[in-house]
Amino acid sequence: MSARATPPLNQTSISRQLRRKYFLLTLGFLLPLTWAFVRTRNLYPVASWNVMTQGGQLQQSCTYFVLRGETVSGEVIDIPAISVSNAMRSRNWGMVAAIARNESLKLPSPHPKNAELLTKAGATPLPEGVRMNDLLKAWGESYNSRHAASSPTHLKAIRLDAYQWPGHEYSNFRLFVQSWRQEL
């Protein structure tokens, strides 16, 4: 039996083989990533890139709300609605928007209190957010239940301000629309 002897590899041939292997490995990673960034728009991490490159829907206007409280010390503070209701952010503001548009009064079978309100109003149109004070009272009581009556952060009133962003540009986003206020 004769063993076939392999010639000893010198340093340059080992280096050349390693460079070739790493070049192929680099191409194996780089080509799919490049393809993902160029062609695909909604796969991670490209979706986060889209957030930074697209301007949103500038042609549509948007109404948003800011919850504020008036403390017994006379200070006006911003209150994160999530800290009061313990609901997810979009659920809070979706509910507020529905109350502002009187959506609960447009149901085929409204709650008995809403039906009574509609009966009393008759043909007279109801103002926007006719039930908003009920929500504000509940939120204010929830907030105050976490703060002692002697605390300077205890609320004497709570209010909800509605703002309009008309769209078409990234400025002028703080046009005041209306405010609801509830004494506590």
N, C-alpha and C. Protein backbone atom coordinates (compact mmCIF):
# COMPACT_ATOMS: atom_id res chain seq x y z
N MET A 1 0.83 -1.17 0.00
CA MET A 1 0.00 0.00 0.00
C MET A 1 0.87 1.23 0.00
N SER A 2 0.52 2.05 -0.84
CA SER A 2 1.27 3.28 -0.87
C SER A 2 0.36 4.42 -0.47
N ALA A 3 0.78 5.14 0.45
CA ALA A 3 0.01 6.30 0.90
C ALA A 3 0.40 7.47 0.05
N ARG A 4 -0.62 8.08 -0.42
CA ARG A 4 -0.36 9.23 -1.27
C ARG A 4 -0.07 10.44 -0.38
N ALA A 5 1.04 10.95 -0.51
CA ALA A 5 1.43 12.08 0.34
C ALA A 5 0.90 13.37 -0.26
N THR A 6 0.33 14.19 0.60
CA THR A 6 -0.14 15.50 0.15
C THR A 6 0.97 16.50 0.37
N PRO A 7 1.12 17.35 -0.60
CA PRO A 7 2.20 18.32 -0.45
C PRO A 7 1.86 19.29 0.67
N PRO A 8 2.83 19.70 1.40
CA PRO A 8 2.59 20.65 2.50
C PRO A 8 2.07 21.99 1.95
N LEU A 9 1.08 22.52 2.64
CA LEU A 9 0.50 23.80 2.22
C LEU A 9 1.31 24.94 2.84
N ASN A 10 1.61 25.86 2.03
CA ASN A 10 2.34 27.00 2.56
C ASN A 10 1.35 28.07 3.04
N GLN A 11 1.84 29.04 3.67
CA GLN A 11 1.03 30.08 4.30
C GLN A 11 0.18 30.84 3.29
N THR A 12 0.68 31.11 2.12
CA THR A 12 -0.07 31.89 1.14
C THR A 12 -1.24 31.10 0.57
N SER A 13 -1.09 29.78 0.39
CA SER A 13 -2.21 29.00 -0.15
C SER A 13 -3.30 28.85 0.90
N ILE A 14 -2.91 28.72 2.17
CA ILE A 14 -3.92 28.66 3.25
C ILE A 14 -4.68 29.99 3.32
N SER A 15 -3.96 31.07 3.23
CA SER A 15 -4.56 32.40 3.27
C SER A 15 -5.51 32.59 2.09
N ARG A 16 -5.12 32.12 0.91
CA ARG A 16 -5.94 32.25 -0.28
C ARG A 16 -7.23 31.43 -0.13
N GLN A 17 -7.15 30.23 0.44
CA GLN A 17 -8.33 29.38 0.64
C GLN A 17 -9.29 30.02 1.65
N LEU A 18 -8.75 30.57 2.71
CA LEU A 18 -9.58 31.23 3.71
C LEU A 18 -10.29 32.46 3.13
N ARG A 19 -9.56 33.23 2.36
CA ARG A 19 -10.18 34.40 1.73
C ARG A 19 -11.30 33.99 0.79
N ARG A 20 -11.11 32.93 0.05
CA ARG A 20 -12.13 32.44 -0.87
C ARG A 20 -13.37 31.98 -0.09
N LYS A 21 -13.16 31.24 1.00
CA LYS A 21 -14.28 30.76 1.82
C LYS A 21 -15.04 31.93 2.45
N TYR A 22 -14.32 32.90 3.00
CA TYR A 22 -14.98 34.05 3.63
C TYR A 22 -15.67 34.94 2.60
N PHE A 23 -15.12 35.02 1.42
CA PHE A 23 -15.77 35.77 0.35
C PHE A 23 -17.11 35.13 -0.01
N LEU A 24 -17.13 33.81 -0.14
CA LEU A 24 -18.39 33.11 -0.44
C LEU A 24 -19.38 33.23 0.71
N LEU A 25 -18.90 33.16 1.93
CA LEU A 25 -19.76 33.32 3.09
C LEU A 25 -20.35 34.73 3.15
N THR A 26 -19.53 35.73 2.87
CA THR A 26 -20.00 37.11 2.86
C THR A 26 -21.06 37.31 1.79
N LEU A 27 -20.83 36.76 0.60
CA LEU A 27 -21.83 36.85 -0.46
C LEU A 27 -23.13 36.15 -0.04
N GLY A 28 -22.99 35.03 0.64
CA GLY A 28 -24.17 34.29 1.10
C GLY A 28 -25.04 35.11 2.05
N PHE A 29 -24.44 35.97 2.84
CA PHE A 29 -25.21 36.84 3.73
C PHE A 29 -25.64 38.13 3.05
N LEU A 30 -24.75 38.73 2.30
CA LEU A 30 -25.00 40.03 1.72
C LEU A 30 -26.04 40.02 0.60
N LEU A 31 -26.02 39.04 -0.27
CA LEU A 31 -26.96 39.02 -1.39
C LEU A 31 -28.42 38.94 -0.93
N PRO A 32 -28.79 38.03 -0.01
CA PRO A 32 -30.19 38.04 0.43
C PRO A 32 -30.59 39.33 1.17
N LEU A 33 -29.68 39.89 1.97
CA LEU A 33 -29.99 41.15 2.64
C LEU A 33 -30.18 42.29 1.65
N THR A 34 -29.31 42.36 0.67
CA THR A 34 -29.44 43.40 -0.36
C THR A 34 -30.75 43.24 -1.09
N TRP A 35 -31.11 42.02 -1.44
CA TRP A 35 -32.37 41.76 -2.12
C TRP A 35 -33.55 42.21 -1.24
N ALA A 36 -33.48 41.92 0.05
CA ALA A 36 -34.56 42.29 0.97
C ALA A 36 -34.72 43.81 1.03
N PHE A 37 -33.63 44.54 1.09
CA PHE A 37 -33.72 45.99 1.16
C PHE A 37 -34.20 46.61 -0.15
N VAL A 38 -33.85 46.00 -1.26
CA VAL A 38 -34.22 46.56 -2.56
C VAL A 38 -35.64 46.17 -2.97
N ARG A 39 -36.02 44.92 -2.79
CA ARG A 39 -37.28 44.42 -3.33
C ARG A 39 -38.41 44.30 -2.31
N THR A 40 -38.13 43.89 -1.14
CA THR A 40 -39.17 43.61 -0.16
C THR A 40 -39.39 44.82 0.71
N ARG A 41 -40.64 45.12 1.03
CA ARG A 41 -40.93 46.33 1.79
C ARG A 41 -41.50 46.06 3.18
N ASN A 42 -41.99 44.86 3.45
CA ASN A 42 -42.69 44.67 4.72
C ASN A 42 -42.17 43.50 5.54
N LEU A 43 -40.93 43.17 5.41
CA LEU A 43 -40.32 42.16 6.26
C LEU A 43 -39.28 42.84 7.14
N TYR A 44 -39.17 42.38 8.35
CA TYR A 44 -38.17 42.95 9.26
C TYR A 44 -36.79 42.73 8.66
N PRO A 45 -35.89 43.64 8.70
CA PRO A 45 -35.90 44.99 9.28
C PRO A 45 -36.36 46.06 8.31
N VAL A 46 -36.83 45.67 7.14
CA VAL A 46 -37.19 46.65 6.14
C VAL A 46 -38.44 47.43 6.54
N ALA A 47 -39.36 46.81 7.27
CA ALA A 47 -40.57 47.52 7.68
C ALA A 47 -40.23 48.73 8.55
N SER A 48 -39.23 48.59 9.41
CA SER A 48 -38.83 49.74 10.22
C SER A 48 -38.20 50.82 9.35
N TRP A 49 -37.56 50.44 8.28
CA TRP A 49 -37.00 51.41 7.35
C TRP A 49 -38.13 52.18 6.68
N ASN A 50 -39.23 51.52 6.34
CA ASN A 50 -40.37 52.19 5.72
C ASN A 50 -40.93 53.28 6.61
N VAL A 51 -40.91 53.06 7.90
CA VAL A 51 -41.43 54.06 8.84
C VAL A 51 -40.66 55.36 8.68
N MET A 52 -39.38 55.26 8.44
CA MET A 52 -38.56 56.46 8.34
C MET A 52 -38.60 57.09 6.94
N THR A 53 -39.02 56.36 5.92
CA THR A 53 -38.94 56.90 4.57
C THR A 53 -40.28 57.36 4.02
N GLN A 54 -41.40 56.88 4.56
CA GLN A 54 -42.69 57.28 4.03
C GLN A 54 -43.32 58.32 4.93
N GLY A 55 -44.00 59.28 4.33
CA GLY A 55 -44.54 60.40 5.07
C GLY A 55 -45.91 60.20 5.66
N GLY A 56 -46.50 59.06 5.50
CA GLY A 56 -47.84 58.84 6.01
C GLY A 56 -48.86 59.37 5.04
N GLN A 57 -50.04 59.64 5.51
CA GLN A 57 -51.12 60.12 4.65
C GLN A 57 -51.32 61.60 4.88
N LEU A 58 -50.55 62.37 4.17
CA LEU A 58 -50.59 63.83 4.34
C LEU A 58 -51.90 64.43 3.85
N GLN A 59 -52.60 63.75 2.93
CA GLN A 59 -53.81 64.32 2.37
C GLN A 59 -55.01 64.21 3.32
N GLN A 60 -54.91 63.40 4.38
CA GLN A 60 -56.03 63.24 5.30
C GLN A 60 -55.82 64.04 6.57
N SER A 61 -56.90 64.60 7.08
CA SER A 61 -56.81 65.32 8.35
C SER A 61 -56.96 64.32 9.49
N CYS A 62 -56.63 64.76 10.68
CA CYS A 62 -56.66 63.88 11.85
C CYS A 62 -57.08 64.68 13.07
N THR A 63 -58.00 64.10 13.84
CA THR A 63 -58.40 64.70 15.11
C THR A 63 -57.76 63.90 16.23
N TYR A 64 -57.18 64.58 17.20
CA TYR A 64 -56.59 63.89 18.34
C TYR A 64 -56.98 64.62 19.61
N PHE A 65 -56.80 63.93 20.73
CA PHE A 65 -57.28 64.42 22.02
C PHE A 65 -56.15 64.44 23.03
N VAL A 66 -56.22 65.41 23.96
CA VAL A 66 -55.26 65.52 25.04
C VAL A 66 -56.04 65.62 26.35
N LEU A 67 -55.73 64.72 27.28
CA LEU A 67 -56.41 64.69 28.58
C LEU A 67 -55.60 65.51 29.57
N ARG A 68 -56.28 66.44 30.23
CA ARG A 68 -55.61 67.31 31.20
C ARG A 68 -56.44 67.37 32.48
N GLY A 69 -55.76 67.67 33.55
CA GLY A 69 -56.44 67.82 34.83
C GLY A 69 -56.06 69.13 35.49
N GLU A 70 -57.00 69.67 36.23
CA GLU A 70 -56.75 70.89 37.02
C GLU A 70 -56.67 70.46 38.48
N THR A 71 -55.48 70.61 39.07
CA THR A 71 -55.26 70.14 40.43
C THR A 71 -55.82 71.13 41.45
N VAL A 72 -55.94 70.67 42.70
CA VAL A 72 -56.42 71.55 43.77
C VAL A 72 -55.44 72.68 44.02
N SER A 73 -54.18 72.49 43.64
CA SER A 73 -53.19 73.56 43.81
C SER A 73 -53.25 74.57 42.66
N GLY A 74 -54.13 74.34 41.66
CA GLY A 74 -54.30 75.29 40.57
C GLY A 74 -53.47 75.00 39.35
N GLU A 75 -52.70 73.95 39.37
CA GLU A 75 -51.84 73.61 38.24
C GLU A 75 -52.61 72.79 37.21
N VAL A 76 -52.31 73.00 35.93
CA VAL A 76 -52.89 72.19 34.85
C VAL A 76 -51.84 71.17 34.45
N ILE A 77 -52.21 69.89 34.52
CA ILE A 77 -51.26 68.82 34.20
C ILE A 77 -51.81 67.95 33.07
N ASP A 78 -50.91 67.42 32.27
CA ASP A 78 -51.29 66.44 31.26
C ASP A 78 -51.39 65.08 31.94
N ILE A 79 -52.42 64.33 31.61
CA ILE A 79 -52.64 63.01 32.20
C ILE A 79 -52.61 61.98 31.10
N PRO A 80 -51.70 61.01 31.16
CA PRO A 80 -51.74 59.92 30.18
C PRO A 80 -52.99 59.08 30.43
N ALA A 81 -53.83 58.93 29.44
CA ALA A 81 -55.09 58.21 29.62
C ALA A 81 -54.85 56.76 30.03
N ILE A 82 -53.75 56.19 29.61
CA ILE A 82 -53.45 54.81 29.96
C ILE A 82 -53.26 54.65 31.47
N SER A 83 -52.79 55.70 32.13
CA SER A 83 -52.60 55.62 33.58
C SER A 83 -53.92 55.67 34.34
N VAL A 84 -54.97 56.13 33.69
CA VAL A 84 -56.28 56.23 34.33
C VAL A 84 -57.13 55.00 34.04
N SER A 85 -57.13 54.56 32.80
CA SER A 85 -58.04 53.47 32.41
C SER A 85 -57.36 52.11 32.35
N ASN A 86 -56.03 52.09 32.31
CA ASN A 86 -55.28 50.85 32.20
C ASN A 86 -55.60 50.08 30.93
N ALA A 87 -56.02 50.79 29.90
CA ALA A 87 -56.32 50.18 28.60
C ALA A 87 -55.19 50.50 27.63
N MET A 88 -55.17 49.79 26.55
CA MET A 88 -54.15 50.06 25.54
C MET A 88 -54.40 51.43 24.92
N ARG A 89 -53.35 52.07 24.45
CA ARG A 89 -53.41 53.44 23.96
C ARG A 89 -54.49 53.64 22.89
N SER A 90 -54.50 52.81 21.87
CA SER A 90 -55.44 53.01 20.78
C SER A 90 -56.88 52.76 21.22
N ARG A 91 -57.06 51.90 22.21
CA ARG A 91 -58.42 51.63 22.71
C ARG A 91 -58.97 52.86 23.43
N ASN A 92 -58.14 53.54 24.19
CA ASN A 92 -58.58 54.76 24.88
C ASN A 92 -59.07 55.79 23.88
N TRP A 93 -58.23 56.10 22.91
CA TRP A 93 -58.54 57.20 22.00
C TRP A 93 -59.60 56.80 20.99
N GLY A 94 -59.72 55.52 20.67
CA GLY A 94 -60.82 55.07 19.83
C GLY A 94 -62.15 55.25 20.54
N MET A 95 -62.17 54.95 21.83
CA MET A 95 -63.39 55.13 22.63
C MET A 95 -63.73 56.62 22.74
N VAL A 96 -62.74 57.45 22.96
CA VAL A 96 -62.97 58.89 23.08
C VAL A 96 -63.53 59.44 21.77
N ALA A 97 -62.95 59.03 20.65
CA ALA A 97 -63.43 59.49 19.34
C ALA A 97 -64.86 59.04 19.10
N ALA A 98 -65.20 57.82 19.49
CA ALA A 98 -66.56 57.32 19.32
C ALA A 98 -67.55 58.10 20.19
N ILE A 99 -67.14 58.44 21.39
CA ILE A 99 -68.02 59.23 22.27
C ILE A 99 -68.18 60.64 21.71
N ALA A 100 -67.10 61.21 21.18
CA ALA A 100 -67.17 62.56 20.61
C ALA A 100 -68.12 62.59 19.41
N ARG A 101 -68.19 61.51 18.65
CA ARG A 101 -69.08 61.44 17.48
C ARG A 101 -70.47 60.89 17.83
N ASN A 102 -70.73 60.65 19.12
CA ASN A 102 -72.01 60.10 19.58
C ASN A 102 -72.34 58.75 18.94
N GLU A 103 -71.33 57.92 18.73
CA GLU A 103 -71.54 56.62 18.09
C GLU A 103 -72.46 55.72 18.90
N SER A 104 -72.43 55.82 20.22
CA SER A 104 -73.27 54.96 21.06
C SER A 104 -74.75 55.28 20.89
N LEU A 105 -75.07 56.44 20.38
CA LEU A 105 -76.46 56.82 20.17
C LEU A 105 -76.96 56.37 18.80
N LYS A 106 -76.07 55.90 17.95
CA LYS A 106 -76.44 55.49 16.59
C LYS A 106 -76.63 53.98 16.45
N LEU A 107 -76.51 53.26 17.56
CA LEU A 107 -76.66 51.81 17.53
C LEU A 107 -78.13 51.44 17.28
N PRO A 108 -78.38 50.28 16.66
CA PRO A 108 -79.77 49.86 16.42
C PRO A 108 -80.55 49.65 17.73
N SER A 109 -79.89 49.14 18.75
CA SER A 109 -80.54 48.98 20.05
C SER A 109 -79.64 49.61 21.12
N PRO A 110 -79.80 50.92 21.34
CA PRO A 110 -78.90 51.61 22.27
C PRO A 110 -79.18 51.22 23.73
N HIS A 111 -78.22 51.53 24.58
CA HIS A 111 -78.37 51.33 26.02
C HIS A 111 -79.60 52.12 26.49
N PRO A 112 -80.32 51.62 27.51
CA PRO A 112 -81.53 52.32 27.97
C PRO A 112 -81.30 53.80 28.32
N LYS A 113 -80.16 54.13 28.91
CA LYS A 113 -79.89 55.55 29.22
C LYS A 113 -79.73 56.37 27.94
N ASN A 114 -79.10 55.77 26.92
CA ASN A 114 -78.94 56.47 25.64
C ASN A 114 -80.29 56.60 24.93
N ALA A 115 -81.12 55.57 25.03
CA ALA A 115 -82.46 55.63 24.42
C ALA A 115 -83.29 56.72 25.08
N GLU A 116 -83.16 56.85 26.40
CA GLU A 116 -83.88 57.90 27.13
C GLU A 116 -83.40 59.28 26.69
N LEU A 117 -82.11 59.42 26.52
CA LEU A 117 -81.53 60.70 26.06
C LEU A 117 -82.06 61.05 24.67
N LEU A 118 -82.12 60.07 23.80
CA LEU A 118 -82.63 60.30 22.44
C LEU A 118 -84.11 60.67 22.46
N THR A 119 -84.86 60.04 23.33
CA THR A 119 -86.29 60.34 23.44
C THR A 119 -86.49 61.76 23.93
N LYS A 120 -85.72 62.18 24.94
CA LYS A 120 -85.84 63.54 25.46
C LYS A 120 -85.48 64.58 24.41
N ALA A 121 -84.45 64.27 23.61
CA ALA A 121 -83.99 65.23 22.60
C ALA A 121 -85.00 65.36 21.47
N GLY A 122 -85.71 64.28 21.15
CA GLY A 122 -86.69 64.32 20.06
C GLY A 122 -86.01 64.61 18.74
N ALA A 123 -86.49 65.61 18.01
CA ALA A 123 -85.93 65.95 16.70
C ALA A 123 -84.75 66.90 16.81
N THR A 124 -84.49 67.40 18.02
CA THR A 124 -83.37 68.33 18.22
C THR A 124 -82.05 67.56 18.13
N PRO A 125 -81.14 68.01 17.28
CA PRO A 125 -79.85 67.30 17.20
C PRO A 125 -79.05 67.48 18.49
N LEU A 126 -78.43 66.41 18.92
CA LEU A 126 -77.62 66.45 20.14
C LEU A 126 -76.24 67.02 19.84
N PRO A 127 -75.65 67.72 20.80
CA PRO A 127 -74.30 68.25 20.58
C PRO A 127 -73.28 67.10 20.51
N GLU A 128 -72.16 67.36 19.90
CA GLU A 128 -71.10 66.34 19.84
C GLU A 128 -70.62 66.02 21.24
N GLY A 129 -70.35 64.74 21.47
CA GLY A 129 -69.82 64.31 22.76
C GLY A 129 -70.78 64.49 23.91
N VAL A 130 -72.05 64.21 23.68
CA VAL A 130 -73.06 64.42 24.71
C VAL A 130 -72.81 63.54 25.94
N ARG A 131 -72.13 62.42 25.78
CA ARG A 131 -71.82 61.53 26.90
C ARG A 131 -70.38 61.70 27.42
N MET A 132 -69.67 62.68 26.92
CA MET A 132 -68.26 62.85 27.28
C MET A 132 -68.08 63.14 28.77
N ASN A 133 -68.99 63.89 29.37
CA ASN A 133 -68.84 64.22 30.80
C ASN A 133 -68.91 62.97 31.67
N ASP A 134 -69.69 61.96 31.25
CA ASP A 134 -69.73 60.70 32.01
C ASP A 134 -68.37 60.02 31.99
N LEU A 135 -67.73 60.00 30.82
CA LEU A 135 -66.39 59.41 30.72
C LEU A 135 -65.39 60.20 31.55
N LEU A 136 -65.43 61.52 31.45
CA LEU A 136 -64.48 62.35 32.19
C LEU A 136 -64.67 62.20 33.69
N LYS A 137 -65.91 62.09 34.14
CA LYS A 137 -66.16 61.91 35.56
C LYS A 137 -65.57 60.58 36.03
N ALA A 138 -65.76 59.52 35.26
CA ALA A 138 -65.20 58.21 35.62
C ALA A 138 -63.68 58.25 35.62
N TRP A 139 -63.08 58.88 34.62
CA TRP A 139 -61.62 58.98 34.56
C TRP A 139 -61.09 59.83 35.70
N GLY A 140 -61.77 60.93 36.02
CA GLY A 140 -61.33 61.80 37.11
C GLY A 140 -61.41 61.10 38.46
N GLU A 141 -62.48 60.35 38.68
CA GLU A 141 -62.62 59.60 39.93
C GLU A 141 -61.57 58.51 40.02
N SER A 142 -61.27 57.86 38.90
CA SER A 142 -60.22 56.84 38.89
C SER A 142 -58.86 57.45 39.21
N TYR A 143 -58.57 58.61 38.64
CA TYR A 143 -57.31 59.30 38.91
C TYR A 143 -57.23 59.71 40.38
N ASN A 144 -58.29 60.30 40.88
CA ASN A 144 -58.29 60.78 42.27
C ASN A 144 -58.25 59.64 43.28
N SER A 145 -58.71 58.46 42.91
CA SER A 145 -58.66 57.34 43.85
C SER A 145 -57.22 56.91 44.14
N ARG A 146 -56.29 57.31 43.28
CA ARG A 146 -54.87 56.99 43.47
C ARG A 146 -54.10 58.11 44.15
N HIS A 147 -54.76 59.22 44.39
CA HIS A 147 -54.11 60.38 45.01
C HIS A 147 -54.95 60.83 46.21
N ALA A 148 -54.30 61.02 47.32
CA ALA A 148 -55.00 61.44 48.54
C ALA A 148 -55.65 62.81 48.34
N ALA A 149 -56.73 63.04 49.04
CA ALA A 149 -57.44 64.32 48.93
C ALA A 149 -56.55 65.49 49.34
N SER A 150 -55.58 65.24 50.22
CA SER A 150 -54.68 66.30 50.66
C SER A 150 -53.49 66.50 49.70
N SER A 151 -53.37 65.62 48.73
CA SER A 151 -52.24 65.69 47.78
C SER A 151 -52.41 66.89 46.83
N PRO A 152 -51.31 67.57 46.50
CA PRO A 152 -51.42 68.69 45.55
C PRO A 152 -51.75 68.22 44.13
N THR A 153 -51.62 66.90 43.86
CA THR A 153 -51.95 66.38 42.53
C THR A 153 -53.39 65.88 42.43
N HIS A 154 -54.14 66.00 43.53
CA HIS A 154 -55.57 65.63 43.51
C HIS A 154 -56.30 66.59 42.56
N LEU A 155 -57.17 66.06 41.73
CA LEU A 155 -57.84 66.89 40.72
C LEU A 155 -59.13 67.50 41.26
N LYS A 156 -59.36 68.76 40.87
CA LYS A 156 -60.65 69.38 41.14
C LYS A 156 -61.51 69.37 39.88
N ALA A 157 -60.87 69.23 38.71
CA ALA A 157 -61.58 69.14 37.43
C ALA A 157 -60.70 68.40 36.44
N ILE A 158 -61.35 67.81 35.47
CA ILE A 158 -60.64 67.10 34.40
C ILE A 158 -61.22 67.58 33.08
N ARG A 159 -60.35 67.70 32.09
CA ARG A 159 -60.85 68.17 30.79
C ARG A 159 -60.18 67.41 29.66
N LEU A 160 -60.86 67.39 28.55
CA LEU A 160 -60.37 66.73 27.34
C LEU A 160 -60.40 67.75 26.23
N ASP A 161 -59.24 68.02 25.64
CA ASP A 161 -59.14 68.98 24.55
C ASP A 161 -59.01 68.24 23.24
N ALA A 162 -59.79 68.65 22.25
CA ALA A 162 -59.72 68.06 20.90
C ALA A 162 -58.96 69.02 20.00
N TYR A 163 -58.03 68.46 19.23
CA TYR A 163 -57.24 69.24 18.28
C TYR A 163 -57.38 68.62 16.90
N GLN A 164 -57.20 69.44 15.89
CA GLN A 164 -57.29 68.98 14.51
C GLN A 164 -55.97 69.24 13.80
N TRP A 165 -55.49 68.23 13.10
CA TRP A 165 -54.36 68.41 12.19
C TRP A 165 -54.93 68.34 10.79
N PRO A 166 -54.89 69.44 10.02
CA PRO A 166 -55.57 69.46 8.72
C PRO A 166 -54.89 68.63 7.64
N GLY A 167 -53.68 68.17 7.87
CA GLY A 167 -52.99 67.39 6.85
C GLY A 167 -52.28 68.28 5.85
N HIS A 168 -51.82 67.70 4.79
CA HIS A 168 -51.13 68.35 3.66
C HIS A 168 -49.74 68.87 3.99
N GLU A 169 -49.37 68.98 5.24
CA GLU A 169 -48.02 69.41 5.61
C GLU A 169 -47.74 69.00 7.05
N TYR A 170 -46.49 69.00 7.42
CA TYR A 170 -46.09 68.57 8.76
C TYR A 170 -46.06 69.72 9.76
N SER A 171 -46.90 70.67 9.59
CA SER A 171 -46.96 71.77 10.55
C SER A 171 -48.43 72.06 10.81
N ASN A 172 -48.69 73.04 11.62
CA ASN A 172 -50.05 73.46 11.90
C ASN A 172 -50.90 72.31 12.45
N PHE A 173 -50.31 71.53 13.34
CA PHE A 173 -50.98 70.34 13.84
C PHE A 173 -51.68 70.58 15.18
N ARG A 174 -51.77 71.78 15.63
CA ARG A 174 -52.37 72.04 16.93
C ARG A 174 -53.51 73.05 16.82
N LEU A 175 -54.44 72.81 15.91
CA LEU A 175 -55.61 73.67 15.79
C LEU A 175 -56.66 73.21 16.80
N PHE A 176 -56.97 74.07 17.74
CA PHE A 176 -57.94 73.73 18.78
C PHE A 176 -59.33 73.59 18.17
N VAL A 177 -60.04 72.51 18.55
CA VAL A 177 -61.40 72.29 18.05
C VAL A 177 -62.42 72.56 19.15
N GLN A 178 -62.32 71.82 20.25
CA GLN A 178 -63.24 72.03 21.36
C GLN A 178 -62.70 71.36 22.60
N SER A 179 -63.36 71.63 23.71
CA SER A 179 -62.93 71.09 24.99
C SER A 179 -64.15 70.65 25.80
N TRP A 180 -63.99 69.57 26.55
CA TRP A 180 -65.01 69.12 27.48
C TRP A 180 -64.39 69.18 28.87
N ARG A 181 -65.16 69.66 29.84
CA ARG A 181 -64.63 69.82 31.19
C ARG A 181 -65.64 69.29 32.19
N GLN A 182 -65.14 68.58 33.21
CA GLN A 182 -66.01 68.02 34.23
C GLN A 182 -65.44 68.33 35.62
N GLU A 183 -66.24 69.00 36.45
CA GLU A 183 -65.86 69.24 37.83
C GLU A 183 -65.93 67.92 38.59
N LEU A 184 -65.02 67.73 39.53
CA LEU A 184 -65.01 66.48 40.30
C LEU A 184 -65.41 66.74 41.76
